């Protein structure tokens, strides 16, 4: 959804019907916030959005290591601590022994974020990515 000058508080009150999957290309967009599982968070970068989404989704799962099943064609997206040297820009996932790759384009971040709820059988409707118009 493209929004301009939106705060986290505004996102919490937005209705689900106003969220949109119309944006197919996030290239050149400025990220504003994400909303996941009813919780909105301001983010400054696409890497921060990926980290925030993963942390929120893994918070209540029994098997966080299952996220390592999500891979790309040529590289791993999530790895255990002993394999962190295999990723270009490893970011520690808080409260786990896992790292995520944070060196992705905006479009790849969105695709990865969308795959995480599928892995844990969350409803994708619980996810919103908000950008600002430039």
C-alpha atoms as a PDB file:
ATOM      1  CA  UNK A   1       0.000   0.000   0.000  1.00  0.00           C
ATOM      2  CA  UNK A   2       1.357   3.402  -0.824  1.00  0.00           C
ATOM      3  CA  UNK A   3       0.831   5.876   1.992  1.00  0.00           C
ATOM      4  CA  UNK A   4       2.311   9.270   2.658  1.00  0.00           C
ATOM      5  CA  UNK A   5       3.238  10.616   6.110  1.00  0.00           C
ATOM      6  CA  UNK A   6       1.789   7.700   8.065  1.00  0.00           C
ATOM      7  CA  UNK A   7       2.675   6.810  11.640  1.00  0.00           C
ATOM      8  CA  UNK A   8       2.457   3.425  13.325  1.00  0.00           C
ATOM      9  CA  UNK A   9      -0.598   4.613  15.234  1.00  0.00           C
ATOM     10  CA  UNK A  10      -2.338   5.460  11.979  1.00  0.00           C
ATOM     11  CA  UNK A  11      -1.579   1.986  10.626  1.00  0.00           C
ATOM     12  CA  UNK A  12      -3.051   0.246  13.629  1.00  0.00           C
ATOM     13  CA  UNK A  13      -6.361   1.995  13.042  1.00  0.00           C
ATOM     14  CA  UNK A  14      -6.396   1.344   9.276  1.00  0.00           C
ATOM     15  CA  UNK A  15      -8.943  -1.262   8.277  1.00  0.00           C
ATOM     16  CA  UNK A  16      -7.799  -4.442   6.556  1.00  0.00           C
ATOM     17  CA  UNK A  17      -9.914  -3.522   3.551  1.00  0.00           C
ATOM     18  CA  UNK A  18      -7.689  -0.512   2.881  1.00  0.00           C
ATOM     19  CA  UNK A  19      -4.577  -2.664   2.549  1.00  0.00           C
ATOM     20  CA  UNK A  20      -3.605  -3.515  -0.976  1.00  0.00           C
ATOM     21  CA  UNK A  21      -1.404  -5.926  -2.870  1.00  0.00           C
ATOM     22  CA  UNK A  22      -1.456  -3.652  -5.929  1.00  0.00           C
ATOM     23  CA  UNK A  23       2.252  -2.803  -5.713  1.00  0.00           C
ATOM     24  CA  UNK A  24       4.277  -5.382  -7.615  1.00  0.00           C
ATOM     25  CA  UNK A  25       7.512  -3.439  -7.849  1.00  0.00           C
ATOM     26  CA  UNK A  26       8.966  -1.779  -4.766  1.00  0.00           C
ATOM     27  CA  UNK A  27      12.109  -0.596  -6.576  1.00  0.00           C
ATOM     28  CA  UNK A  28      12.852   3.016  -5.672  1.00  0.00           C
ATOM     29  CA  UNK A  29      10.175   3.211  -2.988  1.00  0.00           C
ATOM     30  CA  UNK A  30      10.802   4.547   0.494  1.00  0.00           C
ATOM     31  CA  UNK A  31       9.695   2.202   3.227  1.00  0.00           C
ATOM     32  CA  UNK A  32       7.618   3.716   6.017  1.00  0.00           C
ATOM     33  CA  UNK A  33       6.305   0.906   8.232  1.00  0.00           C
ATOM     34  CA  UNK A  34       5.186  -2.674   8.408  1.00  0.00           C
ATOM     35  CA  UNK A  35       2.160  -4.115  10.114  1.00  0.00           C
ATOM     36  CA  UNK A  36       2.318  -7.746  11.123  1.00  0.00           C
ATOM     37  CA  UNK A  37      -0.007  -9.725  13.370  1.00  0.00           C
ATOM     38  CA  UNK A  38      -1.817  -6.509  14.288  1.00  0.00           C
ATOM     39  CA  UNK A  39       1.381  -4.794  15.388  1.00  0.00           C
ATOM     40  CA  UNK A  40       2.731  -1.810  13.432  1.00  0.00           C
ATOM     41  CA  UNK A  41       6.343  -0.762  13.479  1.00  0.00           C
ATOM     42  CA  UNK A  42       8.206   2.116  11.868  1.00  0.00           C
ATOM     43  CA  UNK A  43      11.163   0.877   9.849  1.00  0.00           C
ATOM     44  CA  UNK A  44      14.010   2.749   8.196  1.00  0.00           C
ATOM     45  CA  UNK A  45      15.196   0.175   5.684  1.00  0.00           C
ATOM     46  CA  UNK A  46      14.111  -2.941   3.861  1.00  0.00           C
ATOM     47  CA  UNK A  47      16.531  -4.970   5.995  1.00  0.00           C
ATOM     48  CA  UNK A  48      14.886  -3.588   9.147  1.00  0.00           C
ATOM     49  CA  UNK A  49      11.476  -4.546   7.752  1.00  0.00           C
ATOM     50  CA  UNK A  50      12.632  -8.107   7.147  1.00  0.00           C
ATOM     51  CA  UNK A  51      14.097  -8.370  10.635  1.00  0.00           C
ATOM     52  CA  UNK A  52      10.989  -6.891  12.287  1.00  0.00           C
ATOM     53  CA  UNK A  53       8.649  -9.214  10.367  1.00  0.00           C
ATOM     54  CA  UNK A  54      10.711 -12.296  11.173  1.00  0.00           C
ATOM     55  CA  UNK A  55      10.998 -11.406  14.867  1.00  0.00           C
ATOM     56  CA  UNK A  56       7.241 -10.833  15.146  1.00  0.00           C
ATOM     57  CA  UNK A  57       6.400 -14.081  13.365  1.00  0.00           C
ATOM     58  CA  UNK A  58       8.910 -16.210  15.278  1.00  0.00           C
ATOM     59  CA  UNK A  59       7.953 -14.804  18.661  1.00  0.00           C
ATOM     60  CA  UNK A  60       5.311 -17.482  19.334  1.00  0.00           C
ATOM     61  CA  UNK A  61       6.436 -20.479  17.303  1.00  0.00           C
ATOM     62  CA  UNK A  62       7.795 -23.679  18.775  1.00  0.00           C
ATOM     63  CA  UNK A  63      10.229 -24.416  15.937  1.00  0.00           C
ATOM     64  CA  UNK A  64      12.009 -21.225  14.814  1.00  0.00           C
ATOM     65  CA  UNK A  65      14.648 -23.312  12.997  1.00  0.00           C
ATOM     66  CA  UNK A  66      12.050 -24.283  10.394  1.00  0.00           C
ATOM     67  CA  UNK A  67      12.599 -20.829   8.880  1.00  0.00           C
ATOM     68  CA  UNK A  68      15.911 -22.148   7.518  1.00  0.00           C
ATOM     69  CA  UNK A  69      13.839 -24.123   4.973  1.00  0.00           C
ATOM     70  CA  UNK A  70      13.244 -20.834   3.140  1.00  0.00           C
ATOM     71  CA  UNK A  71      16.016 -20.537   0.574  1.00  0.00           C
ATOM     72  CA  UNK A  72      16.598 -18.729  -2.674  1.00  0.00           C
ATOM     73  CA  UNK A  73      17.865 -20.228  -5.908  1.00  0.00           C
ATOM     74  CA  UNK A  74      21.495 -19.435  -5.187  1.00  0.00           C
ATOM     75  CA  UNK A  75      21.763 -18.548  -1.507  1.00  0.00           C
ATOM     76  CA  UNK A  76      20.352 -19.109   1.931  1.00  0.00           C
ATOM     77  CA  UNK A  77      18.028 -16.554   3.451  1.00  0.00           C
ATOM     78  CA  UNK A  78      18.186 -17.870   7.029  1.00  0.00           C
ATOM     79  CA  UNK A  79      21.009 -19.836   8.670  1.00  0.00           C
ATOM     80  CA  UNK A  80      22.045 -21.209  12.037  1.00  0.00           C
ATOM     81  CA  UNK A  81      24.742 -19.359  13.956  1.00  0.00           C
ATOM     82  CA  UNK A  82      27.546 -21.687  12.841  1.00  0.00           C
ATOM     83  CA  UNK A  83      26.701 -20.953   9.164  1.00  0.00           C
ATOM     84  CA  UNK A  84      26.462 -17.149   9.383  1.00  0.00           C
ATOM     85  CA  UNK A  85      29.629 -16.778   7.308  1.00  0.00           C
ATOM     86  CA  UNK A  86      27.648 -18.155   4.344  1.00  0.00           C
ATOM     87  CA  UNK A  87      25.529 -15.001   4.050  1.00  0.00           C
ATOM     88  CA  UNK A  88      26.689 -11.616   2.763  1.00  0.00           C
ATOM     89  CA  UNK A  89      25.086  -9.387   5.415  1.00  0.00           C
ATOM     90  CA  UNK A  90      24.084 -11.530   8.401  1.00  0.00           C
ATOM     91  CA  UNK A  91      21.693 -10.001  10.923  1.00  0.00           C
ATOM     92  CA  UNK A  92      21.089 -11.829  14.203  1.00  0.00           C
ATOM     93  CA  UNK A  93      17.459 -12.727  14.827  1.00  0.00           C
ATOM     94  CA  UNK A  94      16.910 -11.778  18.490  1.00  0.00           C
ATOM     95  CA  UNK A  95      16.121 -14.554  20.970  1.00  0.00           C
ATOM     96  CA  UNK A  96      17.287 -17.277  18.535  1.00  0.00           C
ATOM     97  CA  UNK A  97      20.540 -18.823  17.307  1.00  0.00           C
ATOM     98  CA  UNK A  98      19.601 -17.808  13.772  1.00  0.00           C
ATOM     99  CA  UNK A  99      20.768 -15.183  11.304  1.00  0.00           C
ATOM    100  CA  UNK A 100      19.033 -13.720   8.293  1.00  0.00           C
ATOM    101  CA  UNK A 101      20.471 -12.357   5.075  1.00  0.00           C
ATOM    102  CA  UNK A 102      19.750  -8.636   4.945  1.00  0.00           C
ATOM    103  CA  UNK A 103      21.425  -7.770   1.635  1.00  0.00           C
ATOM    104  CA  UNK A 104      18.392  -7.912  -0.645  1.00  0.00           C
ATOM    105  CA  UNK A 105      16.550  -5.657  -3.023  1.00  0.00           C
ATOM    106  CA  UNK A 106      13.218  -4.246  -1.871  1.00  0.00           C
ATOM    107  CA  UNK A 107      11.328  -6.723  -4.067  1.00  0.00           C
ATOM    108  CA  UNK A 108      13.231  -9.700  -2.669  1.00  0.00           C
ATOM    109  CA  UNK A 109      12.613  -8.534   0.907  1.00  0.00           C
ATOM    110  CA  UNK A 110       8.878  -8.414   0.200  1.00  0.00           C
ATOM    111  CA  UNK A 111       8.946 -11.920  -1.323  1.00  0.00           C
ATOM    112  CA  UNK A 112      10.889 -13.305   1.653  1.00  0.00           C
ATOM    113  CA  UNK A 113       8.588 -11.599   4.154  1.00  0.00           C
ATOM    114  CA  UNK A 114       5.603 -13.142   2.360  1.00  0.00           C
ATOM    115  CA  UNK A 115       7.143 -16.631   2.531  1.00  0.00           C
ATOM    116  CA  UNK A 116       7.668 -16.595   6.303  1.00  0.00           C
ATOM    117  CA  UNK A 117       3.938 -16.558   7.224  1.00  0.00           C
ATOM    118  CA  UNK A 118       3.368 -19.413   4.773  1.00  0.00           C
ATOM    119  CA  UNK A 119       6.039 -21.497   6.514  1.00  0.00           C
ATOM    120  CA  UNK A 120       4.318 -21.111   9.873  1.00  0.00           C
ATOM    121  CA  UNK A 121       0.739 -21.186   8.560  1.00  0.00           C
ATOM    122  CA  UNK A 122      -0.040 -17.581   9.445  1.00  0.00           C
ATOM    123  CA  UNK A 123      -2.566 -15.718   7.321  1.00  0.00           C
ATOM    124  CA  UNK A 124      -0.859 -13.341   4.863  1.00  0.00           C
ATOM    125  CA  UNK A 125      -3.680 -10.898   5.554  1.00  0.00           C
ATOM    126  CA  UNK A 126      -1.839 -10.237   8.843  1.00  0.00           C
ATOM    127  CA  UNK A 127       0.929  -8.552   6.836  1.00  0.00           C
ATOM    128  CA  UNK A 128       1.048  -4.989   5.524  1.00  0.00           C
ATOM    129  CA  UNK A 129       3.994  -3.176   3.954  1.00  0.00           C
ATOM    130  CA  UNK A 130       3.663   0.578   3.740  1.00  0.00           C
ATOM    131  CA  UNK A 131       5.754   2.886   1.593  1.00  0.00           C
ATOM    132  CA  UNK A 132       5.833   6.626   1.060  1.00  0.00           C
ATOM    133  CA  UNK A 133       5.300   8.301  -2.258  1.00  0.00           C
ATOM    134  CA  UNK A 134       8.338  10.311  -3.288  1.00  0.00           C
END
